PDB file of N, CA and C in Angstrom:
ATOM      1  N   MET A   1     -35.345-106.258 -74.633  1.00  0.00           N
ATOM      2  CA  MET A   1     -36.398-105.274 -74.462  1.00  0.00           C
ATOM      3  C   MET A   1     -37.596-105.963 -73.815  1.00  0.00           C
ATOM      4  N   ASP A   2     -37.988-105.494 -72.649  1.00  0.00           N
ATOM      5  CA  ASP A   2     -39.078-106.120 -71.908  1.00  0.00           C
ATOM      6  C   ASP A   2     -40.377-105.349 -72.089  1.00  0.00           C
ATOM      7  N   ILE A   3     -41.292-105.961 -72.809  1.00  0.00           N
ATOM      8  CA  ILE A   3     -42.630-105.398 -72.975  1.00  0.00           C
ATOM      9  C   ILE A   3     -43.464-105.905 -71.808  1.00  0.00           C
ATOM     10  N   VAL A   4     -44.159-105.005 -71.129  1.00  0.00           N
ATOM     11  CA  VAL A   4     -45.012-105.399 -70.008  1.00  0.00           C
ATOM     12  C   VAL A   4     -46.448-104.948 -70.275  1.00  0.00           C
ATOM     13  N   ARG A   5     -47.366-105.713 -69.738  1.00  0.00           N
ATOM     14  CA  ARG A   5     -48.773-105.316 -69.798  1.00  0.00           C
ATOM     15  C   ARG A   5     -49.084-104.581 -68.503  1.00  0.00           C
ATOM     16  N   ASN A   6     -49.316-103.290 -68.623  1.00  0.00           N
ATOM     17  CA  ASN A   6     -49.654-102.451 -67.482  1.00  0.00           C
ATOM     18  C   ASN A   6     -51.177-102.410 -67.395  1.00  0.00           C
ATOM     19  N   GLU A   7     -51.731-103.308 -66.590  1.00  0.00           N
ATOM     20  CA  GLU A   7     -53.192-103.418 -66.488  1.00  0.00           C
ATOM     21  C   GLU A   7     -53.830-102.153 -65.933  1.00  0.00           C
ATOM     22  N   ALA A   8     -53.170-101.477 -65.010  1.00  0.00           N
ATOM     23  CA  ALA A   8     -53.723-100.262 -64.409  1.00  0.00           C
ATOM     24  C   ALA A   8     -53.901 -99.152 -65.446  1.00  0.00           C
ATOM     25  N   ALA A   9     -52.983 -99.090 -66.413  1.00  0.00           N
ATOM     26  CA  ALA A   9     -53.041 -98.058 -67.445  1.00  0.00           C
ATOM     27  C   ALA A   9     -53.671 -98.561 -68.744  1.00  0.00           C
ATOM     28  N   ASN A  10     -54.047 -99.846 -68.793  1.00  0.00           N
ATOM     29  CA  ASN A  10     -54.616-100.451 -70.002  1.00  0.00           C
ATOM     30  C   ASN A  10     -53.716-100.251 -71.210  1.00  0.00           C
ATOM     31  N   ARG A  11     -52.463-100.686 -71.049  1.00  0.00           N
ATOM     32  CA  ARG A  11     -51.552-100.577 -72.176  1.00  0.00           C
ATOM     33  C   ARG A  11     -50.384-101.546 -72.036  1.00  0.00           C
ATOM     34  N   PHE A  12     -49.799-101.849 -73.184  1.00  0.00           N
ATOM     35  CA  PHE A  12     -48.548-102.587 -73.242  1.00  0.00           C
ATOM     36  C   PHE A  12     -47.477-101.533 -73.362  1.00  0.00           C
ATOM     37  N   GLU A  13     -46.373-101.699 -72.631  1.00  0.00           N
ATOM     38  CA  GLU A  13     -45.376-100.636 -72.628  1.00  0.00           C
ATOM     39  C   GLU A  13     -43.967-101.159 -72.442  1.00  0.00           C
ATOM     40  N   VAL A  14     -43.035-100.329 -72.841  1.00  0.00           N
ATOM     41  CA  VAL A  14     -41.619-100.579 -72.630  1.00  0.00           C
ATOM     42  C   VAL A  14     -40.988 -99.234 -72.294  1.00  0.00           C
ATOM     43  N   ALA A  15     -40.114 -99.223 -71.304  1.00  0.00           N
ATOM     44  CA  ALA A  15     -39.475 -97.985 -70.871  1.00  0.00           C
ATOM     45  C   ALA A  15     -37.963 -98.099 -70.992  1.00  0.00           C
ATOM     46  N   VAL A  16     -37.368 -97.004 -71.404  1.00  0.00           N
ATOM     47  CA  VAL A  16     -35.916 -96.864 -71.391  1.00  0.00           C
ATOM     48  C   VAL A  16     -35.653 -95.490 -70.793  1.00  0.00           C
ATOM     49  N   GLY A  17     -35.104 -95.484 -69.595  1.00  0.00           N
ATOM     50  CA  GLY A  17     -34.922 -94.212 -68.889  1.00  0.00           C
ATOM     51  C   GLY A  17     -36.281 -93.589 -68.617  1.00  0.00           C
ATOM     52  N   ASP A  18     -36.430 -92.332 -68.993  1.00  0.00           N
ATOM     53  CA  ASP A  18     -37.690 -91.624 -68.787  1.00  0.00           C
ATOM     54  C   ASP A  18     -38.660 -91.779 -69.961  1.00  0.00           C
ATOM     55  N   ASP A  19     -38.204 -92.404 -71.032  1.00  0.00           N
ATOM     56  CA  ASP A  19     -39.043 -92.565 -72.217  1.00  0.00           C
ATOM     57  C   ASP A  19     -39.850 -93.858 -72.139  1.00  0.00           C
ATOM     58  N   VAL A  20     -41.135 -93.757 -72.494  1.00  0.00           N
ATOM     59  CA  VAL A  20     -42.017 -94.920 -72.485  1.00  0.00           C
ATOM     60  C   VAL A  20     -42.744 -94.988 -73.824  1.00  0.00           C
ATOM     61  N   ALA A  21     -42.652 -96.135 -74.471  1.00  0.00           N
ATOM     62  CA  ALA A  21     -43.433 -96.411 -75.679  1.00  0.00           C
ATOM     63  C   ALA A  21     -44.589 -97.298 -75.236  1.00  0.00           C
ATOM     64  N   PHE A  22     -45.768 -97.089 -75.838  1.00  0.00           N
ATOM     65  CA  PHE A  22     -46.906 -97.887 -75.400  1.00  0.00           C
ATOM     66  C   PHE A  22     -47.955 -98.061 -76.484  1.00  0.00           C
ATOM     67  N   ALA A  23     -48.730 -99.120 -76.302  1.00  0.00           N
ATOM     68  CA  ALA A  23     -49.897 -99.413 -77.134  1.00  0.00           C
ATOM     69  C   ALA A  23     -51.079 -99.545 -76.178  1.00  0.00           C
ATOM     70  N   GLU A  24     -52.026 -98.627 -76.295  1.00  0.00           N
ATOM     71  CA  GLU A  24     -53.203 -98.656 -75.433  1.00  0.00           C
ATOM     72  C   GLU A  24     -54.169 -99.735 -75.901  1.00  0.00           C
ATOM     73  N   TYR A  25     -54.953-100.244 -74.957  1.00  0.00           N
ATOM     74  CA  TYR A  25     -56.014-101.185 -75.312  1.00  0.00           C
ATOM     75  C   TYR A  25     -57.240-100.926 -74.450  1.00  0.00           C
ATOM     76  N   ARG A  26     -58.361-101.390 -74.959  1.00  0.00           N
ATOM     77  CA  ARG A  26     -59.626-101.292 -74.230  1.00  0.00           C
ATOM     78  C   ARG A  26     -60.348-102.626 -74.412  1.00  0.00           C
ATOM     79  N   LEU A  27     -60.730-103.226 -73.327  1.00  0.00           N
ATOM     80  CA  LEU A  27     -61.431-104.507 -73.391  1.00  0.00           C
ATOM     81  C   LEU A  27     -62.920-104.307 -73.637  1.00  0.00           C
ATOM     82  N   GLU A  28     -63.464-105.169 -74.477  1.00  0.00           N
ATOM     83  CA  GLU A  28     -64.893-105.249 -74.735  1.00  0.00           C
ATOM     84  C   GLU A  28     -65.269-106.721 -74.579  1.00  0.00           C
ATOM     85  N   PRO A  29     -66.528-107.045 -74.442  1.00  0.00           N
ATOM     86  CA  PRO A  29     -66.885-108.463 -74.324  1.00  0.00           C
ATOM     87  C   PRO A  29     -66.368-109.262 -75.535  1.00  0.00           C
ATOM     88  N   GLY A  30     -65.464-110.189 -75.287  1.00  0.00           N
ATOM     89  CA  GLY A  30     -64.924-111.045 -76.336  1.00  0.00           C
ATOM     90  C   GLY A  30     -63.943-110.396 -77.288  1.00  0.00           C
ATOM     91  N   ALA A  31     -63.570-109.156 -77.009  1.00  0.00           N
ATOM     92  CA  ALA A  31     -62.686-108.443 -77.938  1.00  0.00           C
ATOM     93  C   ALA A  31     -61.788-107.454 -77.204  1.00  0.00           C
ATOM     94  N   VAL A  32     -60.757-107.024 -77.924  1.00  0.00           N
ATOM     95  CA  VAL A  32     -59.874-105.979 -77.433  1.00  0.00           C
ATOM     96  C   VAL A  32     -59.707-104.953 -78.549  1.00  0.00           C
ATOM     97  N   VAL A  33     -59.819-103.687 -78.182  1.00  0.00           N
ATOM     98  CA  VAL A  33     -59.641-102.575 -79.116  1.00  0.00           C
ATOM     99  C   VAL A  33     -58.262-101.985 -78.876  1.00  0.00           C
ATOM    100  N   PHE A  34     -57.508-101.778 -79.955  1.00  0.00           N
ATOM    101  CA  PHE A  34     -56.221-101.104 -79.868  1.00  0.00           C
ATOM    102  C   PHE A  34     -56.375 -99.736 -80.529  1.00  0.00           C
ATOM    103  N   PRO A  35     -56.610 -98.668 -79.726  1.00  0.00           N
ATOM    104  CA  PRO A  35     -56.904 -97.359 -80.296  1.00  0.00           C
ATOM    105  C   PRO A  35     -55.705 -96.431 -80.524  1.00  0.00           C
ATOM    106  N   HIS A  36     -54.564 -96.721 -79.873  1.00  0.00           N
ATOM    107  CA  HIS A  36     -53.506 -95.706 -79.915  1.00  0.00           C
ATOM    108  C   HIS A  36     -52.150 -96.332 -79.583  1.00  0.00           C
ATOM    109  N   THR A  37     -51.140 -95.965 -80.352  1.00  0.00           N
ATOM    110  CA  THR A  37     -49.772 -96.407 -80.101  1.00  0.00           C
ATOM    111  C   THR A  37     -48.862 -95.183 -80.119  1.00  0.00           C
ATOM    112  N   VAL A  38     -47.964 -95.085 -79.155  1.00  0.00           N
ATOM    113  CA  VAL A  38     -47.026 -93.967 -79.059  1.00  0.00           C
ATOM    114  C   VAL A  38     -45.614 -94.518 -78.910  1.00  0.00           C
ATOM    115  N   VAL A  39     -44.727 -94.059 -79.789  1.00  0.00           N
ATOM    116  CA  VAL A  39     -43.318 -94.458 -79.716  1.00  0.00           C
ATOM    117  C   VAL A  39     -42.465 -93.182 -79.787  1.00  0.00           C
ATOM    118  N   PRO A  40     -41.838 -92.794 -78.680  1.00  0.00           N
ATOM    119  CA  PRO A  40     -41.000 -91.591 -78.666  1.00  0.00           C
ATOM    120  C   PRO A  40     -39.800 -91.714 -79.610  1.00  0.00           C
ATOM    121  N   GLU A  41     -39.268 -90.598 -80.025  1.00  0.00           N
ATOM    122  CA  GLU A  41     -38.112 -90.548 -80.919  1.00  0.00           C
ATOM    123  C   GLU A  41     -36.926 -91.343 -80.383  1.00  0.00           C
ATOM    124  N   ALA A  42     -36.784 -91.423 -79.077  1.00  0.00           N
ATOM    125  CA  ALA A  42     -35.665 -92.151 -78.475  1.00  0.00           C
ATOM    126  C   ALA A  42     -35.652 -93.620 -78.900  1.00  0.00           C
ATOM    127  N   PHE A  43     -36.812 -94.147 -79.320  1.00  0.00           N
ATOM    128  CA  PHE A  43     -36.933 -95.541 -79.736  1.00  0.00           C
ATOM    129  C   PHE A  43     -36.856 -95.714 -81.249  1.00  0.00           C
ATOM    130  N   SER A  44     -36.715 -94.646 -81.972  1.00  0.00           N
ATOM    131  CA  SER A  44     -36.758 -94.676 -83.432  1.00  0.00           C
ATOM    132  C   SER A  44     -35.773 -95.689 -84.016  1.00  0.00           C
ATOM    133  N   GLY A  45     -36.266 -96.476 -84.981  1.00  0.00           N
ATOM    134  CA  GLY A  45     -35.423 -97.416 -85.692  1.00  0.00           C
ATOM    135  C   GLY A  45     -35.098 -98.696 -84.947  1.00  0.00           C
ATOM    136  N   GLN A  46     -35.721 -98.922 -83.803  1.00  0.00           N
ATOM    137  CA  GLN A  46     -35.427-100.104 -82.996  1.00  0.00           C
ATOM    138  C   GLN A  46     -36.512-101.176 -83.093  1.00  0.00           C
ATOM    139  N   GLY A  47     -37.541-100.941 -83.898  1.00  0.00           N
ATOM    140  CA  GLY A  47     -38.615-101.918 -84.041  1.00  0.00           C
ATOM    141  C   GLY A  47     -39.522-102.015 -82.833  1.00  0.00           C
ATOM    142  N   VAL A  48     -39.555-100.974 -82.032  1.00  0.00           N
ATOM    143  CA  VAL A  48     -40.322-101.006 -80.786  1.00  0.00           C
ATOM    144  C   VAL A  48     -41.819-101.138 -81.043  1.00  0.00           C
ATOM    145  N   ALA A  49     -42.351-100.415 -81.993  1.00  0.00           N
ATOM    146  CA  ALA A  49     -43.788-100.485 -82.264  1.00  0.00           C
ATOM    147  C   ALA A  49     -44.186-101.900 -82.663  1.00  0.00           C
ATOM    148  N   GLY A  50     -43.386-102.536 -83.504  1.00  0.00           N
ATOM    149  CA  GLY A  50     -43.666-103.910 -83.905  1.00  0.00           C
ATOM    150  C   GLY A  50     -43.608-104.876 -82.734  1.00  0.00           C
ATOM    151  N   LYS A  51     -42.675-104.669 -81.840  1.00  0.00           N
ATOM    152  CA  LYS A  51     -42.565-105.530 -80.662  1.00  0.00           C
ATOM    153  C   LYS A  51     -43.751-105.339 -79.725  1.00  0.00           C
ATOM    154  N   LEU A  52     -44.215-104.100 -79.604  1.00  0.00           N
ATOM    155  CA  LEU A  52     -45.422-103.842 -78.820  1.00  0.00           C
ATOM    156  C   LEU A  52     -46.608-104.575 -79.440  1.00  0.00           C
ATOM    157  N   ALA A  53     -46.739-104.460 -80.760  1.00  0.00           N
ATOM    158  CA  ALA A  53     -47.852-105.114 -81.460  1.00  0.00           C
ATOM    159  C   ALA A  53     -47.778-106.629 -81.287  1.00  0.00           C
ATOM    160  N   GLU A  54     -46.605-107.211 -81.462  1.00  0.00           N
ATOM    161  CA  GLU A  54     -46.454-108.664 -81.317  1.00  0.00           C
ATOM    162  C   GLU A  54     -46.852-109.123 -79.921  1.00  0.00           C
ATOM    163  N   SER A  55     -46.418-108.405 -78.904  1.00  0.00           N
ATOM    164  CA  SER A  55     -46.762-108.773 -77.527  1.00  0.00           C
ATOM    165  C   SER A  55     -48.263-108.648 -77.279  1.00  0.00           C
ATOM    166  N   ALA A  56     -48.842-107.559 -77.747  1.00  0.00           N
ATOM    167  CA  ALA A  56     -50.271-107.325 -77.546  1.00  0.00           C
ATOM    168  C   ALA A  56     -51.114-108.357 -78.290  1.00  0.00           C
ATOM    169  N   LEU A  57     -50.718-108.684 -79.511  1.00  0.00           N
ATOM    170  CA  LEU A  57     -51.477-109.653 -80.304  1.00  0.00           C
ATOM    171  C   LEU A  57     -51.318-111.071 -79.750  1.00  0.00           C
ATOM    172  N   ALA A  58     -50.145-111.396 -79.241  1.00  0.00           N
ATOM    173  CA  ALA A  58     -49.945-112.702 -78.616  1.00  0.00           C
ATOM    174  C   ALA A  58     -50.827-112.831 -77.382  1.00  0.00           C
ATOM    175  N   TRP A  59     -50.929-111.758 -76.615  1.00  0.00           N
ATOM    176  CA  TRP A  59     -51.793-111.752 -75.435  1.00  0.00           C
ATOM    177  C   TRP A  59     -53.255-111.932 -75.849  1.00  0.00           C
ATOM    178  N   ALA A  60     -53.696-111.188 -76.882  1.00  0.00           N
ATOM    179  CA  ALA A  60     -55.080-111.296 -77.353  1.00  0.00           C
ATOM    180  C   ALA A  60     -55.378-112.731 -77.788  1.00  0.00           C
ATOM    181  N   ARG A  61     -54.440-113.337 -78.514  1.00  0.00           N
ATOM    182  CA  ARG A  61     -54.626-114.723 -78.963  1.00  0.00           C
ATOM    183  C   ARG A  61     -54.732-115.669 -77.761  1.00  0.00           C
ATOM    184  N   ALA A  62     -53.855-115.515 -76.792  1.00  0.00           N
ATOM    185  CA  ALA A  62     -53.863-116.375 -75.607  1.00  0.00           C
ATOM    186  C   ALA A  62     -55.156-116.230 -74.808  1.00  0.00           C
ATOM    187  N   GLU A  63     -55.723-115.032 -74.829  1.00  0.00           N
ATOM    188  CA  GLU A  63     -56.960-114.765 -74.090  1.00  0.00           C
ATOM    189  C   GLU A  63     -58.206-115.110 -74.905  1.00  0.00           C
ATOM    190  N   GLY A  64     -58.035-115.471 -76.174  1.00  0.00           N
ATOM    191  CA  GLY A  64     -59.173-115.802 -77.034  1.00  0.00           C
ATOM    192  C   GLY A  64     -59.999-114.590 -77.432  1.00  0.00           C
ATOM    193  N   LEU A  65     -59.342-113.437 -77.542  1.00  0.00           N
ATOM    194  CA  LEU A  65     -60.042-112.189 -77.868  1.00  0.00           C
ATOM    195  C   LEU A  65     -59.919-111.845 -79.344  1.00  0.00           C
ATOM    196  N   ALA A  66     -61.004-111.379 -79.927  1.00  0.00           N
ATOM    197  CA  ALA A  66     -60.966-110.825 -81.271  1.00  0.00           C
ATOM    198  C   ALA A  66     -60.318-109.444 -81.172  1.00  0.00           C
ATOM    199  N   VAL A  67     -59.694-109.000 -82.239  1.00  0.00           N
ATOM    200  CA  VAL A  67     -58.964-107.732 -82.234  1.00  0.00           C
ATOM    201  C   VAL A  67     -59.660-106.697 -83.107  1.00  0.00           C
ATOM    202  N   LYS A  68     -59.811-105.501 -82.547  1.00  0.00           N
ATOM    203  CA  LYS A  68     -60.368-104.363 -83.271  1.00  0.00           C
ATOM    204  C   LYS A  68     -59.287-103.285 -83.335  1.00  0.00           C
ATOM    205  N   PRO A  69     -58.524-103.239 -84.424  1.00  0.00           N
ATOM    206  CA  PRO A  69     -57.417-102.279 -84.531  1.00  0.00           C
ATOM    207  C   PRO A  69     -57.875-100.921 -85.053  1.00  0.00           C
ATOM    208  N   THR A  70     -58.311-100.045 -84.164  1.00  0.00           N
ATOM    209  CA  THR A  70     -58.710 -98.705 -84.599  1.00  0.00           C
ATOM    210  C   THR A  70     -57.503 -97.783 -84.734  1.00  0.00           C
ATOM    211  N   CYS A  71     -56.383 -98.179 -84.184  1.00  0.00           N
ATOM    212  CA  CYS A  71     -55.115 -97.458 -84.353  1.00  0.00           C
ATOM    213  C   CYS A  71     -54.580 -97.772 -85.751  1.00  0.00           C
ATOM    214  N   SER A  72     -54.202 -96.759 -86.502  1.00  0.00           N
ATOM    215  CA  SER A  72     -53.722 -96.984 -87.865  1.00  0.00           C
ATOM    216  C   SER A  72     -52.461 -97.848 -87.889  1.00  0.00           C
ATOM    217  N   PHE A  73     -51.599 -97.718 -86.887  1.00  0.00           N
ATOM    218  CA  PHE A  73     -50.415 -98.567 -86.850  1.00  0.00           C
ATOM    219  C   PHE A  73     -50.806-100.029 -86.695  1.00  0.00           C
ATOM    220  N   PHE A  74     -51.687-100.343 -85.740  1.00  0.00           N
ATOM    221  CA  PHE A  74     -52.098-101.731 -85.530  1.00  0.00           C
ATOM    222  C   PHE A  74     -52.797-102.294 -86.763  1.00  0.00           C
ATOM    223  N   ALA A  75     -53.667-101.508 -87.363  1.00  0.00           N
ATOM    224  CA  ALA A  75     -54.366-101.972 -88.572  1.00  0.00           C
ATOM    225  C   ALA A  75     -53.365-102.302 -89.674  1.00  0.00           C
ATOM    226  N   GLY A  76     -52.393-101.430 -89.893  1.00  0.00           N
ATOM    227  CA  GLY A  76     -51.374-101.663 -90.914  1.00  0.00           C
ATOM    228  C   GLY A  76     -50.483-102.836 -90.572  1.00  0.00           C
ATOM    229  N   TYR A  77     -50.161-102.981 -89.308  1.00  0.00           N
ATOM    230  CA  TYR A  77     -49.302-104.088 -88.878  1.00  0.00           C
ATOM    231  C   TYR A  77     -49.976-105.424 -89.163  1.00  0.00           C
ATOM    232  N   ILE A  78     -51.236-105.529 -88.804  1.00  0.00           N
ATOM    233  CA  ILE A  78     -51.970-106.775 -89.038  1.00  0.00           C
ATOM    234  C   ILE A  78     -52.126-107.028 -90.537  1.00  0.00           C
ATOM    235  N   LYS A  79     -52.342-105.985 -91.295  1.00  0.00           N
ATOM    236  CA  LYS A  79     -52.470-106.139 -92.749  1.00  0.00           C
ATOM    237  C   LYS A  79     -51.179-106.707 -93.346  1.00  0.00           C
ATOM    238  N   ARG A  80     -50.029-106.276 -92.824  1.00  0.00           N
ATOM    239  CA  ARG A  80     -48.730-106.732 -93.327  1.00  0.00           C
ATOM    240  C   ARG A  80     -48.299-108.090 -92.770  1.00  0.00           C
ATOM    241  N   HIS A  81     -48.948-108.549 -91.713  1.00  0.00           N
ATOM    242  CA  HIS A  81     -48.575-109.807 -91.068  1.00  0.00           C
ATOM    243  C   HIS A  81     -49.777-110.754 -91.070  1.00  0.00           C
ATOM    244  N   ALA A  82     -49.867-111.538 -92.125  1.00  0.00           N
ATOM    245  CA  ALA A  82     -51.018-112.418 -92.335  1.00  0.00           C
ATOM    246  C   ALA A  82     -51.260-113.375 -91.173  1.00  0.00           C
ATOM    247  N   GLU A  83     -50.224-113.723 -90.433  1.00  0.00           N
ATOM    248  CA  GLU A  83     -50.380-114.669 -89.326  1.00  0.00           C
ATOM    249  C   GLU A  83     -51.270-114.143 -88.203  1.00  0.00           C
ATOM    250  N   HIS A  84     -51.593-112.843 -88.239  1.00  0.00           N
ATOM    251  CA  HIS A  84     -52.452-112.256 -87.206  1.00  0.00           C
ATOM    252  C   HIS A  84     -53.848-111.929 -87.719  1.00  0.00           C
ATOM    253  N   GLN A  85     -54.084-112.096 -88.998  1.00  0.00           N
ATOM    254  CA  GLN A  85     -55.361-111.674 -89.576  1.00  0.00           C
ATOM    255  C   GLN A  85     -56.545-112.483 -89.072  1.00  0.00           C
ATOM    256  N   ASP A  86     -56.303-113.700 -88.604  1.00  0.00           N
ATOM    257  CA  ASP A  86     -57.396-114.501 -88.046  1.00  0.00           C
ATOM    258  C   ASP A  86     -57.921-113.934 -86.736  1.00  0.00           C
ATOM    259  N   LEU A  87     -57.189-113.025 -86.122  1.00  0.00           N
ATOM    260  CA  LEU A  87     -57.624-112.411 -84.869  1.00  0.00           C
ATOM    261  C   LEU A  87     -58.628-111.282 -85.081  1.00  0.00           C
ATOM    262  N   LEU A  88     -58.720-110.770 -86.296  1.00  0.00           N
ATOM    263  CA  LEU A  88     -59.569-109.603 -86.554  1.00  0.00           C
ATOM    264  C   LEU A  88     -61.039-109.871 -86.257  1.00  0.00           C
ATOM    265  N   ALA A  89     -61.648-108.929 -85.564  1.00  0.00           N
ATOM    266  CA  ALA A  89     -63.082-108.998 -85.310  1.00  0.00           C
ATOM    267  C   ALA A  89     -63.821-108.758 -86.629  1.00  0.00           C
ATOM    268  N   GLU A  90     -65.022-109.253 -86.713  1.00  0.00           N
ATOM    269  CA  GLU A  90     -65.828-109.070 -87.910  1.00  0.00           C
ATOM    270  C   GLU A  90     -65.954-107.570 -88.208  1.00  0.00           C
ATOM    271  N   GLY A  91     -65.744-107.217 -89.475  1.00  0.00           N
ATOM    272  CA  GLY A  91     -65.855-105.819 -89.891  1.00  0.00           C
ATOM    273  C   GLY A  91     -64.531-105.071 -89.888  1.00  0.00           C
ATOM    274  N   PHE A  92     -63.454-105.730 -89.465  1.00  0.00           N
ATOM    275  CA  PHE A  92     -62.147-105.075 -89.434  1.00  0.00           C
ATOM    276  C   PHE A  92     -61.210-105.685 -90.432  1.00  0.00           C
TER     277      PHE A  92
END
């Protein structure tokens, strides 16, 4: 499964046929906001949302960006995966 960063659309995404799962992001000075994640039913049970989160968080870490997870999925994912909690921006 190839997760790509689509800079033009400001999202990480993976496509299978006509279906696209994605995690949107918005850059701020020194930080990245993850406001929305969409995973179509065609991807159900394949761990796609987690793979999107892992790719997005790895990118944020590599770029030295703090993470602001306003998306409930991203917030919950980081809460369940302690190895990413150091990325959280103050107040998150």
